[in-house]
N, C-alpha and C. Protein backbone atom coordinates (compact mmCIF):
# COMPACT_ATOMS: atom_id res chain seq x y z
N MET A 1 0.83 -1.20 -0.02
CA MET A 1 0.00 0.00 -0.01
C MET A 1 0.86 1.27 0.02
N THR A 2 1.94 1.25 0.79
CA THR A 2 2.82 2.39 0.85
C THR A 2 3.40 2.64 -0.52
N LYS A 3 3.94 1.66 -1.20
CA LYS A 3 4.51 1.90 -2.49
C LYS A 3 3.50 2.31 -3.54
N SER A 4 2.37 1.67 -3.49
CA SER A 4 1.28 2.03 -4.46
C SER A 4 0.83 3.49 -4.27
N LEU A 5 0.60 3.91 -3.08
CA LEU A 5 0.21 5.31 -2.81
C LEU A 5 1.32 6.26 -3.14
N ALA A 6 2.55 5.89 -2.81
CA ALA A 6 3.67 6.72 -3.16
C ALA A 6 3.79 7.02 -4.66
N CYS A 7 3.59 5.97 -5.43
CA CYS A 7 3.63 6.11 -6.89
C CYS A 7 2.46 6.96 -7.40
N ALA A 8 1.30 6.74 -6.81
CA ALA A 8 0.12 7.47 -7.27
C ALA A 8 0.15 8.94 -6.94
N TRP A 9 0.70 9.26 -5.80
CA TRP A 9 0.62 10.64 -5.30
C TRP A 9 1.93 11.45 -5.52
N ALA A 10 2.94 10.82 -5.99
CA ALA A 10 4.23 11.51 -6.18
C ALA A 10 4.10 12.71 -7.09
N LYS A 11 3.28 12.62 -8.12
CA LYS A 11 3.08 13.68 -9.08
C LYS A 11 2.50 14.93 -8.38
N ASP A 12 1.80 14.75 -7.26
CA ASP A 12 1.23 15.84 -6.51
C ASP A 12 2.17 16.32 -5.35
N ASN A 13 3.42 15.78 -5.42
CA ASN A 13 4.43 16.14 -4.38
C ASN A 13 3.98 15.64 -3.00
N ILE A 14 3.26 14.50 -2.95
CA ILE A 14 2.87 13.91 -1.69
C ILE A 14 3.74 12.69 -1.47
N GLN A 15 4.39 12.65 -0.33
CA GLN A 15 5.25 11.50 -0.01
C GLN A 15 4.45 10.54 0.90
N VAL A 16 4.65 9.27 0.64
CA VAL A 16 4.05 8.22 1.43
C VAL A 16 5.14 7.25 1.83
N ASN A 17 5.34 7.17 3.17
CA ASN A 17 6.34 6.27 3.71
C ASN A 17 5.75 5.59 4.92
N ALA A 18 6.42 4.56 5.42
CA ALA A 18 5.96 3.80 6.60
C ALA A 18 7.07 3.56 7.57
N ILE A 19 6.72 3.61 8.82
CA ILE A 19 7.59 3.15 9.90
C ILE A 19 7.12 1.84 10.33
N LEU A 20 8.02 0.83 10.36
CA LEU A 20 7.62 -0.50 10.75
C LEU A 20 8.18 -0.82 12.13
N PRO A 21 7.40 -0.59 13.16
CA PRO A 21 7.93 -0.82 14.51
C PRO A 21 8.06 -2.29 14.81
N GLY A 22 9.09 -2.61 15.54
CA GLY A 22 9.24 -4.01 15.99
C GLY A 22 8.49 -4.21 17.32
N TRP A 23 8.95 -5.09 18.13
CA TRP A 23 8.33 -5.35 19.42
C TRP A 23 8.65 -4.20 20.32
N ILE A 24 7.60 -3.42 20.63
CA ILE A 24 7.75 -2.22 21.47
C ILE A 24 7.14 -2.49 22.87
N ASP A 25 7.88 -2.07 23.88
CA ASP A 25 7.41 -2.26 25.26
C ASP A 25 6.25 -1.28 25.55
N THR A 26 5.05 -1.80 25.58
CA THR A 26 3.88 -1.02 25.88
C THR A 26 3.00 -1.83 26.90
N GLU A 27 1.99 -1.15 27.35
CA GLU A 27 1.07 -1.81 28.28
C GLU A 27 0.49 -3.09 27.62
N LEU A 28 0.15 -3.04 26.38
CA LEU A 28 -0.40 -4.17 25.66
C LEU A 28 0.61 -5.33 25.56
N THR A 29 1.86 -5.00 25.17
CA THR A 29 2.87 -6.08 25.06
C THR A 29 3.32 -6.60 26.39
N ARG A 30 3.29 -5.81 27.44
CA ARG A 30 3.59 -6.29 28.80
C ARG A 30 2.52 -7.33 29.19
N ALA A 31 1.25 -7.04 28.85
CA ALA A 31 0.18 -8.00 29.17
C ALA A 31 0.37 -9.27 28.36
N ALA A 32 0.75 -9.14 27.12
CA ALA A 32 0.99 -10.31 26.26
C ALA A 32 2.10 -11.19 26.81
N ARG A 33 3.15 -10.55 27.32
CA ARG A 33 4.27 -11.29 27.91
C ARG A 33 3.84 -12.08 29.13
N ARG A 34 2.88 -11.53 29.88
CA ARG A 34 2.38 -12.24 31.06
C ARG A 34 1.51 -13.41 30.62
N GLN A 35 0.83 -13.30 29.49
CA GLN A 35 -0.12 -14.33 29.06
C GLN A 35 0.43 -15.37 28.14
N VAL A 36 1.45 -15.01 27.40
CA VAL A 36 1.97 -15.92 26.37
C VAL A 36 3.34 -16.42 26.86
N GLU A 37 3.37 -17.66 27.26
CA GLU A 37 4.60 -18.27 27.74
C GLU A 37 5.67 -18.28 26.66
N GLY A 38 6.85 -17.80 27.05
CA GLY A 38 8.01 -17.80 26.13
C GLY A 38 8.04 -16.64 25.16
N LEU A 39 7.06 -15.73 25.15
CA LEU A 39 7.09 -14.60 24.22
C LEU A 39 8.31 -13.73 24.43
N ASN A 40 8.51 -13.35 25.68
CA ASN A 40 9.68 -12.48 25.94
C ASN A 40 11.01 -13.09 25.50
N GLU A 41 11.19 -14.33 25.82
CA GLU A 41 12.44 -14.99 25.43
C GLU A 41 12.58 -15.14 23.92
N ALA A 42 11.48 -15.43 23.24
CA ALA A 42 11.51 -15.55 21.79
C ALA A 42 11.83 -14.26 21.09
N VAL A 43 11.24 -13.16 21.56
CA VAL A 43 11.49 -11.84 21.00
C VAL A 43 12.96 -11.47 21.24
N LEU A 44 13.45 -11.62 22.46
CA LEU A 44 14.85 -11.27 22.75
C LEU A 44 15.83 -12.12 21.97
N ALA A 45 15.50 -13.39 21.78
CA ALA A 45 16.40 -14.29 21.06
C ALA A 45 16.55 -13.89 19.57
N ARG A 46 15.46 -13.33 18.97
CA ARG A 46 15.45 -13.00 17.59
C ARG A 46 15.89 -11.54 17.33
N THR A 47 15.97 -10.73 18.36
CA THR A 47 16.29 -9.31 18.21
C THR A 47 17.77 -9.08 18.49
N PRO A 48 18.56 -8.83 17.49
CA PRO A 48 20.00 -8.65 17.64
C PRO A 48 20.35 -7.61 18.72
N MET A 49 19.60 -6.63 18.94
CA MET A 49 19.92 -5.64 19.93
C MET A 49 19.59 -6.12 21.35
N GLY A 50 18.92 -7.26 21.45
CA GLY A 50 18.72 -7.94 22.72
C GLY A 50 17.78 -7.24 23.69
N ARG A 51 16.82 -6.43 23.18
CA ARG A 51 15.91 -5.75 24.09
C ARG A 51 14.65 -5.44 23.31
N TRP A 52 13.60 -5.17 24.10
CA TRP A 52 12.33 -4.67 23.48
C TRP A 52 12.54 -3.20 23.20
N GLY A 53 11.90 -2.70 22.17
CA GLY A 53 11.97 -1.28 21.84
C GLY A 53 11.17 -0.47 22.78
N GLU A 54 11.41 0.82 22.78
CA GLU A 54 10.63 1.79 23.54
C GLU A 54 10.01 2.76 22.57
N ALA A 55 8.91 3.35 22.91
CA ALA A 55 8.20 4.26 22.02
C ALA A 55 9.20 5.37 21.50
N GLU A 56 10.08 5.81 22.34
CA GLU A 56 11.06 6.82 21.95
C GLU A 56 11.94 6.39 20.86
N ASP A 57 12.13 5.08 20.69
CA ASP A 57 12.98 4.58 19.63
C ASP A 57 12.45 4.91 18.22
N LEU A 58 11.15 5.17 18.13
CA LEU A 58 10.53 5.49 16.84
C LEU A 58 10.67 6.93 16.46
N ALA A 59 11.04 7.77 17.42
CA ALA A 59 11.05 9.19 17.19
C ALA A 59 12.08 9.60 16.11
N GLY A 60 13.22 9.00 16.02
CA GLY A 60 14.20 9.41 15.01
C GLY A 60 13.72 9.21 13.61
N ALA A 61 13.12 8.05 13.35
CA ALA A 61 12.57 7.78 12.01
C ALA A 61 11.43 8.76 11.72
N ALA A 62 10.58 9.02 12.68
CA ALA A 62 9.47 9.96 12.46
C ALA A 62 9.95 11.37 12.16
N LEU A 63 10.99 11.80 12.94
CA LEU A 63 11.54 13.13 12.68
C LEU A 63 12.20 13.23 11.31
N PHE A 64 12.90 12.18 10.90
CA PHE A 64 13.50 12.15 9.58
C PHE A 64 12.45 12.28 8.51
N LEU A 65 11.41 11.48 8.58
CA LEU A 65 10.34 11.52 7.55
C LEU A 65 9.57 12.82 7.59
N ALA A 66 9.47 13.46 8.72
CA ALA A 66 8.72 14.72 8.84
C ALA A 66 9.58 15.94 8.40
N GLY A 67 10.87 15.76 8.28
CA GLY A 67 11.72 16.89 8.00
C GLY A 67 12.21 16.97 6.54
N ALA A 68 12.91 18.03 6.24
CA ALA A 68 13.42 18.30 4.94
C ALA A 68 14.41 17.23 4.44
N ALA A 69 15.07 16.55 5.33
CA ALA A 69 16.09 15.55 4.96
C ALA A 69 15.47 14.43 4.11
N SER A 70 14.15 14.25 4.22
CA SER A 70 13.47 13.17 3.50
C SER A 70 12.60 13.70 2.34
N ASP A 71 12.89 14.89 1.87
CA ASP A 71 12.10 15.48 0.82
C ASP A 71 12.03 14.68 -0.51
N PHE A 72 13.04 13.81 -0.70
CA PHE A 72 13.08 13.01 -1.94
C PHE A 72 12.86 11.55 -1.63
N VAL A 73 12.29 11.24 -0.46
CA VAL A 73 12.04 9.85 -0.07
C VAL A 73 10.54 9.63 -0.16
N THR A 74 10.17 8.61 -0.92
CA THR A 74 8.75 8.18 -0.94
C THR A 74 8.74 6.70 -1.30
N GLY A 75 7.77 6.01 -0.74
CA GLY A 75 7.62 4.61 -0.95
C GLY A 75 8.52 3.75 -0.06
N ALA A 76 9.15 4.37 0.95
CA ALA A 76 10.06 3.66 1.85
C ALA A 76 9.34 3.08 3.01
N ALA A 77 9.79 1.93 3.46
CA ALA A 77 9.31 1.31 4.70
C ALA A 77 10.56 1.12 5.56
N ILE A 78 10.58 1.81 6.70
CA ILE A 78 11.74 1.85 7.57
C ILE A 78 11.50 1.02 8.78
N PRO A 79 12.16 -0.12 8.89
CA PRO A 79 12.00 -0.96 10.10
C PRO A 79 12.79 -0.30 11.27
N VAL A 80 12.05 -0.17 12.37
CA VAL A 80 12.66 0.27 13.63
C VAL A 80 12.37 -0.83 14.63
N ASP A 81 13.30 -1.84 14.57
CA ASP A 81 12.96 -3.10 15.26
C ASP A 81 14.11 -3.84 15.91
N GLY A 82 15.22 -3.04 16.09
CA GLY A 82 16.37 -3.64 16.77
C GLY A 82 17.02 -4.72 15.96
N GLY A 83 16.76 -4.84 14.71
CA GLY A 83 17.34 -5.84 13.83
C GLY A 83 16.50 -7.09 13.65
N PHE A 84 15.29 -7.09 14.27
CA PHE A 84 14.37 -8.25 14.21
C PHE A 84 14.15 -8.71 12.71
N ALA A 85 13.84 -7.80 11.84
CA ALA A 85 13.55 -8.15 10.44
C ALA A 85 14.82 -8.67 9.73
N ALA A 86 15.99 -8.18 10.13
CA ALA A 86 17.22 -8.58 9.50
C ALA A 86 17.54 -10.04 9.77
N MET A 87 16.96 -10.61 10.81
CA MET A 87 17.21 -12.01 11.17
C MET A 87 16.47 -12.96 10.25
N GLY A 88 15.55 -12.47 9.39
CA GLY A 88 14.88 -13.29 8.40
C GLY A 88 13.74 -13.99 8.86
């Protein structure tokens, strides 16, 4: 969807990008960790940075996409996941 909209709206100088958050420590994911046996260990084992993300970890990507530094960026999907996606 990001790529399709980016292509469709580029002529109107509208950029469409996505931030792909990994496992972020939130109230919801804390509850999931209490309810799903082994979830915490599985996430940590697959995340090269060895930790759950925090909401603040998403800020850099959001600021980049909101600022002039990304004026020629469209159709991008930026994973902010501590390397989770890189593990395949």
